[in-house]
Amino acid sequence: MPLSNLYKITTLERSDNQITCTMQIDAAHPVFQGHFPGAPVLPGVVQLEMVKTVLAKALEKPFALKEMSNCKFLEVLNPAETPELTIHIQYKGEESLDVSASGKHGEKTYFKARASFHSII
């Protein structure tokens, strides 16, 4: 199933080696019919894909995940209850990035990750 239109960037700010982005999640997207029926959950892999999407948009080039050194999913993200997620990213590097990222809404942190990405152009 294509994940197009599952989420979209609504705000994006970049300064020095930090990026903050707000993402809008479509709670009516067909992916939630199977994940899970009656109790929708945004898949963890999609939350990590959001980080890659934000990096590509903010730095204006595509990236691929090289290594995931740490990743924790701290809360279940039900898009019907939490249709918006703020992604915070700190990074070092240019072509190869060391990234620390988190996804939050209000006081809740949904995920934290440390990873390396590399430019694919």
PDB file of N, CA and C in Angstrom:
ATOM      1  N   MET A   1       0.849  -1.185   0.000  1.00  0.00           N
ATOM      2  CA  MET A   1       0.000   0.000   0.000  1.00  0.00           C
ATOM      3  C   MET A   1       0.892   1.246   0.000  1.00  0.00           C
ATOM      4  N   PRO A   2       0.685   2.157  -0.931  1.00  0.00           N
ATOM      5  CA  PRO A   2       1.469   3.390  -0.946  1.00  0.00           C
ATOM      6  C   PRO A   2       1.144   4.247   0.280  1.00  0.00           C
ATOM      7  N   LEU A   3       2.185   4.869   0.797  1.00  0.00           N
ATOM      8  CA  LEU A   3       2.006   5.710   1.978  1.00  0.00           C
ATOM      9  C   LEU A   3       1.880   7.187   1.620  1.00  0.00           C
ATOM     10  N   SER A   4       1.733   7.479   0.329  1.00  0.00           N
ATOM     11  CA  SER A   4       1.571   8.876  -0.057  1.00  0.00           C
ATOM     12  C   SER A   4       0.338   9.451   0.629  1.00  0.00           C
ATOM     13  N   ASN A   5       0.443  10.671   1.017  1.00  0.00           N
ATOM     14  CA  ASN A   5      -0.626  11.413   1.691  1.00  0.00           C
ATOM     15  C   ASN A   5      -0.912  10.929   3.110  1.00  0.00           C
ATOM     16  N   LEU A   6      -0.067  10.068   3.661  1.00  0.00           N
ATOM     17  CA  LEU A   6      -0.246   9.641   5.049  1.00  0.00           C
ATOM     18  C   LEU A   6       0.091  10.784   6.001  1.00  0.00           C
ATOM     19  N   TYR A   7       1.088  11.580   5.615  1.00  0.00           N
ATOM     20  CA  TYR A   7       1.469  12.736   6.434  1.00  0.00           C
ATOM     21  C   TYR A   7       1.977  13.844   5.521  1.00  0.00           C
ATOM     22  N   LYS A   8       1.951  15.060   6.055  1.00  0.00           N
ATOM     23  CA  LYS A   8       2.500  16.185   5.299  1.00  0.00           C
ATOM     24  C   LYS A   8       3.166  17.154   6.266  1.00  0.00           C
ATOM     25  N   ILE A   9       4.145  17.858   5.752  1.00  0.00           N
ATOM     26  CA  ILE A   9       4.856  18.872   6.526  1.00  0.00           C
ATOM     27  C   ILE A   9       4.014  20.137   6.532  1.00  0.00           C
ATOM     28  N   THR A  10       3.752  20.672   7.732  1.00  0.00           N
ATOM     29  CA  THR A  10       2.982  21.916   7.822  1.00  0.00           C
ATOM     30  C   THR A  10       3.861  23.099   8.219  1.00  0.00           C
ATOM     31  N   THR A  11       4.918  22.861   8.998  1.00  0.00           N
ATOM     32  CA  THR A  11       5.898  23.909   9.300  1.00  0.00           C
ATOM     33  C   THR A  11       7.281  23.280   9.301  1.00  0.00           C
ATOM     34  N   LEU A  12       8.284  24.080   8.942  1.00  0.00           N
ATOM     35  CA  LEU A  12       9.665  23.605   8.930  1.00  0.00           C
ATOM     36  C   LEU A  12      10.580  24.777   9.241  1.00  0.00           C
ATOM     37  N   GLU A  13      11.388  24.628  10.280  1.00  0.00           N
ATOM     38  CA  GLU A  13      12.356  25.659  10.654  1.00  0.00           C
ATOM     39  C   GLU A  13      13.723  25.015  10.776  1.00  0.00           C
ATOM     40  N   ARG A  14      14.730  25.697  10.236  1.00  0.00           N
ATOM     41  CA  ARG A  14      16.103  25.193  10.304  1.00  0.00           C
ATOM     42  C   ARG A  14      17.011  26.308  10.775  1.00  0.00           C
ATOM     43  N   SER A  15      17.859  26.007  11.759  1.00  0.00           N
ATOM     44  CA  SER A  15      18.872  26.960  12.208  1.00  0.00           C
ATOM     45  C   SER A  15      20.090  26.178  12.668  1.00  0.00           C
ATOM     46  N   ASP A  16      21.257  26.637  12.260  1.00  0.00           N
ATOM     47  CA  ASP A  16      22.508  25.944  12.571  1.00  0.00           C
ATOM     48  C   ASP A  16      22.356  24.459  12.251  1.00  0.00           C
ATOM     49  N   ASN A  17      22.524  23.598  13.219  1.00  0.00           N
ATOM     50  CA  ASN A  17      22.418  22.153  12.996  1.00  0.00           C
ATOM     51  C   ASN A  17      21.175  21.580  13.646  1.00  0.00           C
ATOM     52  N   GLN A  18      20.082  22.348  13.621  1.00  0.00           N
ATOM     53  CA  GLN A  18      18.825  21.902  14.205  1.00  0.00           C
ATOM     54  C   GLN A  18      17.674  22.121  13.224  1.00  0.00           C
ATOM     55  N   ILE A  19      16.733  21.191  13.263  1.00  0.00           N
ATOM     56  CA  ILE A  19      15.533  21.288  12.434  1.00  0.00           C
ATOM     57  C   ILE A  19      14.336  20.985  13.326  1.00  0.00           C
ATOM     58  N   THR A  20      13.304  21.808  13.206  1.00  0.00           N
ATOM     59  CA  THR A  20      12.037  21.543  13.887  1.00  0.00           C
ATOM     60  C   THR A  20      10.947  21.577  12.831  1.00  0.00           C
ATOM     61  N   CYS A  21      10.117  20.556  12.853  1.00  0.00           N
ATOM     62  CA  CYS A  21       9.100  20.406  11.820  1.00  0.00           C
ATOM     63  C   CYS A  21       7.805  19.897  12.438  1.00  0.00           C
ATOM     64  N   THR A  22       6.697  20.426  11.979  1.00  0.00           N
ATOM     65  CA  THR A  22       5.391  19.919  12.396  1.00  0.00           C
ATOM     66  C   THR A  22       4.812  19.109  11.240  1.00  0.00           C
ATOM     67  N   MET A  23       4.340  17.912  11.567  1.00  0.00           N
ATOM     68  CA  MET A  23       3.761  17.011  10.579  1.00  0.00           C
ATOM     69  C   MET A  23       2.286  16.801  10.898  1.00  0.00           C
ATOM     70  N   GLN A  24       1.456  16.818   9.873  1.00  0.00           N
ATOM     71  CA  GLN A  24       0.028  16.523  10.010  1.00  0.00           C
ATOM     72  C   GLN A  24      -0.188  15.093   9.528  1.00  0.00           C
ATOM     73  N   ILE A  25      -0.815  14.267  10.357  1.00  0.00           N
ATOM     74  CA  ILE A  25      -1.050  12.862  10.033  1.00  0.00           C
ATOM     75  C   ILE A  25      -2.513  12.691   9.634  1.00  0.00           C
ATOM     76  N   ASP A  26      -2.747  11.998   8.527  1.00  0.00           N
ATOM     77  CA  ASP A  26      -4.106  11.755   8.041  1.00  0.00           C
ATOM     78  C   ASP A  26      -4.678  10.514   8.726  1.00  0.00           C
ATOM     79  N   ALA A  27      -5.496  10.718   9.748  1.00  0.00           N
ATOM     80  CA  ALA A  27      -6.074   9.606  10.517  1.00  0.00           C
ATOM     81  C   ALA A  27      -7.027   8.756   9.678  1.00  0.00           C
ATOM     82  N   ALA A  28      -7.487   9.280   8.538  1.00  0.00           N
ATOM     83  CA  ALA A  28      -8.405   8.533   7.672  1.00  0.00           C
ATOM     84  C   ALA A  28      -7.667   7.722   6.600  1.00  0.00           C
ATOM     85  N   HIS A  29      -6.339   7.747   6.609  1.00  0.00           N
ATOM     86  CA  HIS A  29      -5.559   7.026   5.597  1.00  0.00           C
ATOM     87  C   HIS A  29      -5.838   5.521   5.689  1.00  0.00           C
ATOM     88  N   PRO A  30      -5.920   4.824   4.545  1.00  0.00           N
ATOM     89  CA  PRO A  30      -6.228   3.387   4.540  1.00  0.00           C
ATOM     90  C   PRO A  30      -5.254   2.505   5.331  1.00  0.00           C
ATOM     91  N   VAL A  31      -4.028   2.960   5.553  1.00  0.00           N
ATOM     92  CA  VAL A  31      -3.072   2.142   6.311  1.00  0.00           C
ATOM     93  C   VAL A  31      -3.603   1.796   7.703  1.00  0.00           C
ATOM     94  N   PHE A  32      -4.427   2.683   8.262  1.00  0.00           N
ATOM     95  CA  PHE A  32      -4.927   2.465   9.622  1.00  0.00           C
ATOM     96  C   PHE A  32      -6.074   1.446   9.683  1.00  0.00           C
ATOM     97  N   GLN A  33      -6.598   1.061   8.530  1.00  0.00           N
ATOM     98  CA  GLN A  33      -7.614   0.000   8.521  1.00  0.00           C
ATOM     99  C   GLN A  33      -7.002  -1.335   8.928  1.00  0.00           C
ATOM    100  N   GLY A  34      -5.716  -1.499   8.666  1.00  0.00           N
ATOM    101  CA  GLY A  34      -5.042  -2.740   9.018  1.00  0.00           C
ATOM    102  C   GLY A  34      -4.072  -2.607  10.172  1.00  0.00           C
ATOM    103  N   HIS A  35      -3.806  -1.393  10.596  1.00  0.00           N
ATOM    104  CA  HIS A  35      -2.812  -1.152  11.662  1.00  0.00           C
ATOM    105  C   HIS A  35      -3.391  -0.188  12.678  1.00  0.00           C
ATOM    106  N   PHE A  36      -4.238  -0.474  13.461  1.00  0.00           N
ATOM    107  CA  PHE A  36      -4.960  -1.719  13.687  1.00  0.00           C
ATOM    108  C   PHE A  36      -6.447  -1.417  13.613  1.00  0.00           C
ATOM    109  N   PRO A  37      -7.279  -2.343  13.138  1.00  0.00           N
ATOM    110  CA  PRO A  37      -8.711  -2.072  13.005  1.00  0.00           C
ATOM    111  C   PRO A  37      -9.338  -1.648  14.336  1.00  0.00           C
ATOM    112  N   GLY A  38      -9.957  -0.484  14.340  1.00  0.00           N
ATOM    113  CA  GLY A  38     -10.621   0.019  15.541  1.00  0.00           C
ATOM    114  C   GLY A  38      -9.699   0.691  16.539  1.00  0.00           C
ATOM    115  N   ALA A  39      -8.394   0.527  16.381  1.00  0.00           N
ATOM    116  CA  ALA A  39      -7.415   1.147  17.287  1.00  0.00           C
ATOM    117  C   ALA A  39      -6.188   1.540  16.468  1.00  0.00           C
ATOM    118  N   PRO A  40      -6.290   2.618  15.670  1.00  0.00           N
ATOM    119  CA  PRO A  40      -5.202   2.980  14.764  1.00  0.00           C
ATOM    120  C   PRO A  40      -3.913   3.354  15.503  1.00  0.00           C
ATOM    121  N   VAL A  41      -2.792   2.894  14.951  1.00  0.00           N
ATOM    122  CA  VAL A  41      -1.469   3.190  15.496  1.00  0.00           C
ATOM    123  C   VAL A  41      -0.560   3.568  14.330  1.00  0.00           C
ATOM    124  N   LEU A  42       0.138   4.701  14.446  1.00  0.00           N
ATOM    125  CA  LEU A  42       1.108   5.081  13.423  1.00  0.00           C
ATOM    126  C   LEU A  42       2.317   4.156  13.556  1.00  0.00           C
ATOM    127  N   PRO A  43       2.631   3.376  12.520  1.00  0.00           N
ATOM    128  CA  PRO A  43       3.750   2.436  12.619  1.00  0.00           C
ATOM    129  C   PRO A  43       5.073   3.140  12.935  1.00  0.00           C
ATOM    130  N   GLY A  44       5.894   2.482  13.737  1.00  0.00           N
ATOM    131  CA  GLY A  44       7.197   3.040  14.097  1.00  0.00           C
ATOM    132  C   GLY A  44       8.061   3.318  12.887  1.00  0.00           C
ATOM    133  N   VAL A  45       8.025   2.433  11.897  1.00  0.00           N
ATOM    134  CA  VAL A  45       8.831   2.633  10.699  1.00  0.00           C
ATOM    135  C   VAL A  45       8.412   3.910   9.967  1.00  0.00           C
ATOM    136  N   VAL A  46       7.143   4.269  10.037  1.00  0.00           N
ATOM    137  CA  VAL A  46       6.671   5.511   9.413  1.00  0.00           C
ATOM    138  C   VAL A  46       7.204   6.716  10.187  1.00  0.00           C
ATOM    139  N   GLN A  47       7.251   6.624  11.503  1.00  0.00           N
ATOM    140  CA  GLN A  47       7.793   7.722  12.302  1.00  0.00           C
ATOM    141  C   GLN A  47       9.260   7.963  11.943  1.00  0.00           C
ATOM    142  N   LEU A  48      10.014   6.884  11.717  1.00  0.00           N
ATOM    143  CA  LEU A  48      11.413   7.027  11.306  1.00  0.00           C
ATOM    144  C   LEU A  48      11.518   7.549   9.877  1.00  0.00           C
ATOM    145  N   GLU A  49      10.609   7.144   9.016  1.00  0.00           N
ATOM    146  CA  GLU A  49      10.567   7.660   7.643  1.00  0.00           C
ATOM    147  C   GLU A  49      10.311   9.169   7.653  1.00  0.00           C
ATOM    148  N   MET A  50       9.515   9.637   8.612  1.00  0.00           N
ATOM    149  CA  MET A  50       9.253  11.072   8.743  1.00  0.00           C
ATOM    150  C   MET A  50      10.556  11.833   8.995  1.00  0.00           C
ATOM    151  N   VAL A  51      11.440  11.273   9.816  1.00  0.00           N
ATOM    152  CA  VAL A  51      12.737  11.913  10.088  1.00  0.00           C
ATOM    153  C   VAL A  51      13.510  12.061   8.785  1.00  0.00           C
ATOM    154  N   LYS A  52      13.567  11.002   7.995  1.00  0.00           N
ATOM    155  CA  LYS A  52      14.276  11.044   6.710  1.00  0.00           C
ATOM    156  C   LYS A  52      13.643  12.065   5.764  1.00  0.00           C
ATOM    157  N   THR A  53      12.325  12.137   5.752  1.00  0.00           N
ATOM    158  CA  THR A  53      11.605  13.107   4.916  1.00  0.00           C
ATOM    159  C   THR A  53      11.949  14.540   5.320  1.00  0.00           C
ATOM    160  N   VAL A  54      11.981  14.791   6.619  1.00  0.00           N
ATOM    161  CA  VAL A  54      12.301  16.132   7.125  1.00  0.00           C
ATOM    162  C   VAL A  54      13.738  16.500   6.773  1.00  0.00           C
ATOM    163  N   LEU A  55      14.676  15.571   6.951  1.00  0.00           N
ATOM    164  CA  LEU A  55      16.072  15.841   6.583  1.00  0.00           C
ATOM    165  C   LEU A  55      16.178  16.215   5.107  1.00  0.00           C
ATOM    166  N   ALA A  56      15.535  15.444   4.242  1.00  0.00           N
ATOM    167  CA  ALA A  56      15.594  15.701   2.800  1.00  0.00           C
ATOM    168  C   ALA A  56      15.013  17.065   2.446  1.00  0.00           C
ATOM    169  N   LYS A  57      13.896  17.408   3.054  1.00  0.00           N
ATOM    170  CA  LYS A  57      13.247  18.697   2.770  1.00  0.00           C
ATOM    171  C   LYS A  57      14.100  19.858   3.278  1.00  0.00           C
ATOM    172  N   ALA A  58      14.587  19.760   4.511  1.00  0.00           N
ATOM    173  CA  ALA A  58      15.341  20.861   5.116  1.00  0.00           C
ATOM    174  C   ALA A  58      16.708  21.053   4.468  1.00  0.00           C
ATOM    175  N   LEU A  59      17.363  19.955   4.093  1.00  0.00           N
ATOM    176  CA  LEU A  59      18.724  20.040   3.552  1.00  0.00           C
ATOM    177  C   LEU A  59      18.759  19.945   2.029  1.00  0.00           C
ATOM    178  N   GLU A  60      17.574  19.814   1.426  1.00  0.00           N
ATOM    179  CA  GLU A  60      17.401  19.850  -0.026  1.00  0.00           C
ATOM    180  C   GLU A  60      18.200  18.796  -0.780  1.00  0.00           C
ATOM    181  N   LYS A  61      18.261  17.583  -0.207  1.00  0.00           N
ATOM    182  CA  LYS A  61      18.849  16.441  -0.901  1.00  0.00           C
ATOM    183  C   LYS A  61      18.368  15.164  -0.228  1.00  0.00           C
ATOM    184  N   PRO A  62      18.306  14.078  -0.998  1.00  0.00           N
ATOM    185  CA  PRO A  62      17.801  12.818  -0.429  1.00  0.00           C
ATOM    186  C   PRO A  62      18.852  12.124   0.440  1.00  0.00           C
ATOM    187  N   PHE A  63      18.366  11.442   1.466  1.00  0.00           N
ATOM    188  CA  PHE A  63      19.231  10.692   2.372  1.00  0.00           C
ATOM    189  C   PHE A  63      18.723   9.268   2.505  1.00  0.00           C
ATOM    190  N   ALA A  64      19.639   8.376   2.857  1.00  0.00           N
ATOM    191  CA  ALA A  64      19.295   6.994   3.178  1.00  0.00           C
ATOM    192  C   ALA A  64      19.815   6.695   4.578  1.00  0.00           C
ATOM    193  N   LEU A  65      19.102   5.859   5.283  1.00  0.00           N
ATOM    194  CA  LEU A  65      19.529   5.439   6.610  1.00  0.00           C
ATOM    195  C   LEU A  65      20.755   4.547   6.472  1.00  0.00           C
ATOM    196  N   LYS A  66      21.799   4.873   7.213  1.00  0.00           N
ATOM    197  CA  LYS A  66      23.026   4.082   7.191  1.00  0.00           C
ATOM    198  C   LYS A  66      23.084   3.154   8.399  1.00  0.00           C
ATOM    199  N   GLU A  67      22.788   3.704   9.583  1.00  0.00           N
ATOM    200  CA  GLU A  67      22.865   2.919  10.815  1.00  0.00           C
ATOM    201  C   GLU A  67      21.933   3.511  11.864  1.00  0.00           C
ATOM    202  N   MET A  68      21.232   2.641  12.566  1.00  0.00           N
ATOM    203  CA  MET A  68      20.376   3.061  13.681  1.00  0.00           C
ATOM    204  C   MET A  68      21.067   2.586  14.955  1.00  0.00           C
ATOM    205  N   SER A  69      21.612   3.516  15.729  1.00  0.00           N
ATOM    206  CA  SER A  69      22.333   3.103  16.935  1.00  0.00           C
ATOM    207  C   SER A  69      21.416   2.967  18.143  1.00  0.00           C
ATOM    208  N   ASN A  70      20.301   3.703  18.136  1.00  0.00           N
ATOM    209  CA  ASN A  70      19.373   3.641  19.263  1.00  0.00           C
ATOM    210  C   ASN A  70      18.014   4.142  18.789  1.00  0.00           C
ATOM    211  N   CYS A  71      16.975   3.438  19.171  1.00  0.00           N
ATOM    212  CA  CYS A  71      15.625   3.872  18.825  1.00  0.00           C
ATOM    213  C   CYS A  71      14.656   3.366  19.879  1.00  0.00           C
ATOM    214  N   LYS A  72      13.866   4.279  20.421  1.00  0.00           N
ATOM    215  CA  LYS A  72      12.873   3.916  21.431  1.00  0.00           C
ATOM    216  C   LYS A  72      11.529   4.526  21.056  1.00  0.00           C
ATOM    217  N   PHE A  73      10.507   3.692  21.059  1.00  0.00           N
ATOM    218  CA  PHE A  73       9.141   4.162  20.870  1.00  0.00           C
ATOM    219  C   PHE A  73       8.513   4.195  22.256  1.00  0.00           C
ATOM    220  N   LEU A  74       8.235   5.395  22.750  1.00  0.00           N
ATOM    221  CA  LEU A  74       7.863   5.597  24.148  1.00  0.00           C
ATOM    222  C   LEU A  74       6.363   5.644  24.389  1.00  0.00           C
ATOM    223  N   GLU A  75       5.600   5.973  23.371  1.00  0.00           N
ATOM    224  CA  GLU A  75       4.137   6.074  23.474  1.00  0.00           C
ATOM    225  C   GLU A  75       3.522   5.551  22.181  1.00  0.00           C
ATOM    226  N   VAL A  76       2.333   5.020  22.277  1.00  0.00           N
ATOM    227  CA  VAL A  76       1.571   4.625  21.092  1.00  0.00           C
ATOM    228  C   VAL A  76       0.965   5.893  20.492  1.00  0.00           C
ATOM    229  N   LEU A  77       1.178   6.097  19.193  1.00  0.00           N
ATOM    230  CA  LEU A  77       0.646   7.285  18.530  1.00  0.00           C
ATOM    231  C   LEU A  77      -0.619   6.907  17.767  1.00  0.00           C
ATOM    232  N   ASN A  78      -1.757   7.261  18.346  1.00  0.00           N
ATOM    233  CA  ASN A  78      -3.061   7.063  17.712  1.00  0.00           C
ATOM    234  C   ASN A  78      -3.372   8.348  16.941  1.00  0.00           C
ATOM    235  N   PRO A  79      -3.395   8.313  15.606  1.00  0.00           N
ATOM    236  CA  PRO A  79      -3.587   9.530  14.822  1.00  0.00           C
ATOM    237  C   PRO A  79      -4.956  10.179  14.995  1.00  0.00           C
ATOM    238  N   ALA A  80      -5.937   9.424  15.459  1.00  0.00           N
ATOM    239  CA  ALA A  80      -7.257  10.013  15.715  1.00  0.00           C
ATOM    240  C   ALA A  80      -7.198  10.925  16.938  1.00  0.00           C
ATOM    241  N   GLU A  81      -6.343  10.584  17.897  1.00  0.00           N
ATOM    242  CA  GLU A  81      -6.186  11.391  19.112  1.00  0.00           C
ATOM    243  C   GLU A  81      -5.066  12.414  18.983  1.00  0.00           C
ATOM    244  N   THR A  82      -4.044  12.084  18.198  1.00  0.00           N
ATOM    245  CA  THR A  82      -2.876  12.948  18.022  1.00  0.00           C
ATOM    246  C   THR A  82      -2.582  13.071  16.530  1.00  0.00           C
ATOM    247  N   PRO A  83      -3.278  13.975  15.833  1.00  0.00           N
ATOM    248  CA  PRO A  83      -3.086  14.084  14.388  1.00  0.00           C
ATOM    249  C   PRO A  83      -1.870  14.928  13.986  1.00  0.00           C
ATOM    250  N   GLU A  84      -1.143  15.443  14.977  1.00  0.00           N
ATOM    251  CA  GLU A  84      -0.008  16.314  14.687  1.00  0.00           C
ATOM    252  C   GLU A  84       1.195  15.857  15.499  1.00  0.00           C
ATOM    253  N   LEU A  85       2.366  15.864  14.882  1.00  0.00           N
ATOM    254  CA  LEU A  85       3.592  15.451  15.543  1.00  0.00           C
ATOM    255  C   LEU A  85       4.667  16.471  15.225  1.00  0.00           C
ATOM    256  N   THR A  86       5.405  16.891  16.244  1.00  0.00           N
ATOM    257  CA  THR A  86       6.531  17.799  16.041  1.00  0.00           C
ATOM    258  C   THR A  86       7.813  16.981  16.103  1.00  0.00           C
ATOM    259  N   ILE A  87       8.597  17.071  15.042  1.00  0.00           N
ATOM    260  CA  ILE A  87       9.861  16.343  14.944  1.00  0.00           C
ATOM    261  C   ILE A  87      10.984  17.336  15.231  1.00  0.00           C
ATOM    262  N   HIS A  88      11.834  16.991  16.191  1.00  0.00           N
ATOM    263  CA  HIS A  88      13.023  17.788  16.514  1.00  0.00           C
ATOM    264  C   HIS A  88      14.241  16.982  16.081  1.00  0.00           C
ATOM    265  N   ILE A  89      15.134  17.625  15.327  1.00  0.00           N
ATOM    266  CA  ILE A  89      16.336  16.947  14.836  1.00  0.00           C
ATOM    267  C   ILE A  89      17.551  17.815  15.127  1.00  0.00           C
ATOM    268  N   GLN A  90      18.586  17.198  15.679  1.00  0.00           N
ATOM    269  CA  GLN A  90      19.909  17.807  15.771  1.00  0.00           C
ATOM    270  C   GLN A  90      20.825  16.934  14.924  1.00  0.00           C
ATOM    271  N   TYR A  91      21.728  17.562  14.163  1.00  0.00           N
ATOM    272  CA  TYR A  91      22.587  16.770  13.291  1.00  0.00           C
ATOM    273  C   TYR A  91      23.972  17.380  13.189  1.00  0.00           C
ATOM    274  N   LYS A  92      24.943  16.527  12.832  1.00  0.00           N
ATOM    275  CA  LYS A  92      26.320  16.936  12.558  1.00  0.00           C
ATOM    276  C   LYS A  92      26.681  16.357  11.203  1.00  0.00           C
ATOM    277  N   GLY A  93      27.415  17.135  10.421  1.00  0.00           N
ATOM    278  CA  GLY A  93      27.879  16.652   9.129  1.00  0.00           C
ATOM    279  C   GLY A  93      27.132  17.289   7.976  1.00  0.00           C
ATOM    280  N   GLU A  94      27.549  16.887   6.745  1.00  0.00           N
ATOM    281  CA  GLU A  94      26.910  17.413   5.540  1.00  0.00           C
ATOM    282  C   GLU A  94      26.468  16.293   4.605  1.00  0.00           C
ATOM    283  N   GLU A  95      27.408  15.491   4.131  1.00  0.00           N
ATOM    284  CA  GLU A  95      27.064  14.367   3.250  1.00  0.00           C
ATOM    285  C   GLU A  95      26.686  13.137   4.071  1.00  0.00           C
ATOM    286  N   SER A  96      27.379  12.970   5.188  1.00  0.00           N
ATOM    287  CA  SER A  96      27.068  11.900   6.137  1.00  0.00           C
ATOM    288  C   SER A  96      26.645  12.583   7.433  1.00  0.00           C
ATOM    289  N   LEU A  97      25.461  12.252   7.919  1.00  0.00           N
ATOM    290  CA  LEU A  97      24.899  12.947   9.081  1.00  0.00           C
ATOM    291  C   LEU A  97      24.781  12.027  10.284  1.00  0.00           C
ATOM    292  N   ASP A  98      25.200  12.522  11.438  1.00  0.00           N
ATOM    293  CA  ASP A  98      24.885  11.883  12.713  1.00  0.00           C
ATOM    294  C   ASP A  98      23.689  12.638  13.262  1.00  0.00           C
ATOM    295  N   VAL A  99      22.610  11.913  13.527  1.00  0.00           N
ATOM    296  CA  VAL A  99      21.324  12.539  13.835  1.00  0.00           C
ATOM    297  C   VAL A  99      20.795  12.071  15.183  1.00  0.00           C
ATOM    298  N   SER A 100      20.264  13.029  15.924  1.00  0.00           N
ATOM    299  CA  SER A 100      19.488  12.743  17.132  1.00  0.00           C
ATOM    300  C   SER A 100      18.110  13.334  16.869  1.00  0.00           C
ATOM    301  N   ALA A 101      17.066  12.510  16.965  1.00  0.00           N
ATOM    302  CA  ALA A 101      15.718  12.972  16.612  1.00  0.00           C
ATOM    303  C   ALA A 101      14.700  12.524  17.649  1.00  0.00           C
ATOM    304  N   SER A 102      13.632  13.305  17.750  1.00  0.00           N
ATOM    305  CA  SER A 102      12.515  12.917  18.621  1.00  0.00           C
ATOM    306  C   SER A 102      11.216  13.393  17.988  1.00  0.00           C
ATOM    307  N   GLY A 103      10.141  12.712  18.349  1.00  0.00           N
ATOM    308  CA  GLY A 103       8.807  13.081  17.901  1.00  0.00           C
ATOM    309  C   GLY A 103       7.942  13.349  19.113  1.00  0.00           C
ATOM    310  N   LYS A 104       7.357  14.546  19.173  1.00  0.00           N
ATOM    311  CA  LYS A 104       6.588  14.954  20.350  1.00  0.00           C
ATOM    312  C   LYS A 104       5.273  15.605  19.951  1.00  0.00           C
ATOM    313  N   HIS A 105       4.362  15.598  20.899  1.00  0.00           N
ATOM    314  CA  HIS A 105       3.138  16.393  20.810  1.00  0.00           C
ATOM    315  C   HIS A 105       2.806  16.796  22.234  1.00  0.00           C
ATOM    316  N   GLY A 106       2.775  18.101  22.473  1.00  0.00           N
ATOM    317  CA  GLY A 106       2.555  18.574  23.837  1.00  0.00           C
ATOM    318  C   GLY A 106       3.664  18.070  24.739  1.00  0.00           C
ATOM    319  N   GLU A 107       3.295  17.492  25.857  1.00  0.00           N
ATOM    320  CA  GLU A 107       4.273  16.978  26.815  1.00  0.00           C
ATOM    321  C   GLU A 107       4.701  15.541  26.521  1.00  0.00           C
ATOM    322  N   LYS A 108       4.037  14.884  25.588  1.00  0.00           N
ATOM    323  CA  LYS A 108       4.340  13.476  25.295  1.00  0.00           C
ATOM    324  C   LYS A 108       5.439  13.348  24.247  1.00  0.00           C
ATOM    325  N   THR A 109       6.394  12.468  24.525  1.00  0.00           N
ATOM    326  CA  THR A 109       7.417  12.105  23.552  1.00  0.00           C
ATOM    327  C   THR A 109       7.061  10.726  23.020  1.00  0.00           C
ATOM    328  N   TYR A 110       6.897  10.617  21.713  1.00  0.00           N
ATOM    329  CA  TYR A 110       6.486   9.363  21.089  1.00  0.00           C
ATOM    330  C   TYR A 110       7.667   8.499  20.663  1.00  0.00           C
ATOM    331  N   PHE A 111       8.755   9.131  20.222  1.00  0.00           N
ATOM    332  CA  PHE A 111       9.949   8.351  19.889  1.00  0.00           C
ATOM    333  C   PHE A 111      11.199   9.198  20.075  1.00  0.00           C
ATOM    334  N   LYS A 112      12.310   8.490  20.281  1.00  0.00           N
ATOM    335  CA  LYS A 112      13.644   9.085  20.294  1.00  0.00           C
ATOM    336  C   LYS A 112      14.535   8.161  19.481  1.00  0.00           C
ATOM    337  N   ALA A 113      15.421   8.755  18.687  1.00  0.00           N
ATOM    338  CA  ALA A 113      16.298   7.934  17.854  1.00  0.00           C
ATOM    339  C   ALA A 113      17.651   8.607  17.663  1.00  0.00           C
ATOM    340  N   ARG A 114      18.670   7.775  17.558  1.00  0.00           N
ATOM    341  CA  ARG A 114      20.007   8.209  17.163  1.00  0.00           C
ATOM    342  C   ARG A 114      20.378   7.362  15.954  1.00  0.00           C
ATOM    343  N   ALA A 115      20.804   8.038  14.892  1.00  0.00           N
ATOM    344  CA  ALA A 115      21.072   7.311  13.651  1.00  0.00           C
ATOM    345  C   ALA A 115      22.077   8.059  12.790  1.00  0.00           C
ATOM    346  N   SER A 116      22.594   7.357  11.796  1.00  0.00           N
ATOM    347  CA  SER A 116      23.451   7.958  10.775  1.00  0.00           C
ATOM    348  C   SER A 116      22.735   7.847   9.436  1.00  0.00           C
ATOM    349  N   PHE A 117      22.786   8.918   8.685  1.00  0.00           N
ATOM    350  CA  PHE A 117      22.218   8.956   7.338  1.00  0.00           C
ATOM    351  C   PHE A 117      23.315   9.397   6.377  1.00  0.00           C
ATOM    352  N   HIS A 118      23.217   8.985   5.123  1.00  0.00           N
ATOM    353  CA  HIS A 118      24.162   9.474   4.125  1.00  0.00           C
ATOM    354  C   HIS A 118      23.404   9.966   2.900  1.00  0.00           C
ATOM    355  N   SER A 119      23.982  10.981   2.267  1.00  0.00           N
ATOM    356  CA  SER A 119      23.384  11.550   1.059  1.00  0.00           C
ATOM    357  C   SER A 119      23.450  10.517  -0.059  1.00  0.00           C
ATOM    358  N   ILE A 120      22.380  10.441  -0.842  1.00  0.00           N
ATOM    359  CA  ILE A 120      22.370   9.464  -1.938  1.00  0.00           C
ATOM    360  C   ILE A 120      22.450  10.131  -3.314  1.00  0.00           C
ATOM    361  N   ILE A 121      22.977  11.360  -3.347  1.00  0.00           N
ATOM    362  CA  ILE A 121      23.228  11.981  -4.655  1.00  0.00           C
ATOM    363  C   ILE A 121      24.702  12.261  -4.810  1.00  0.00           C
TER     364      ILE A 121
END
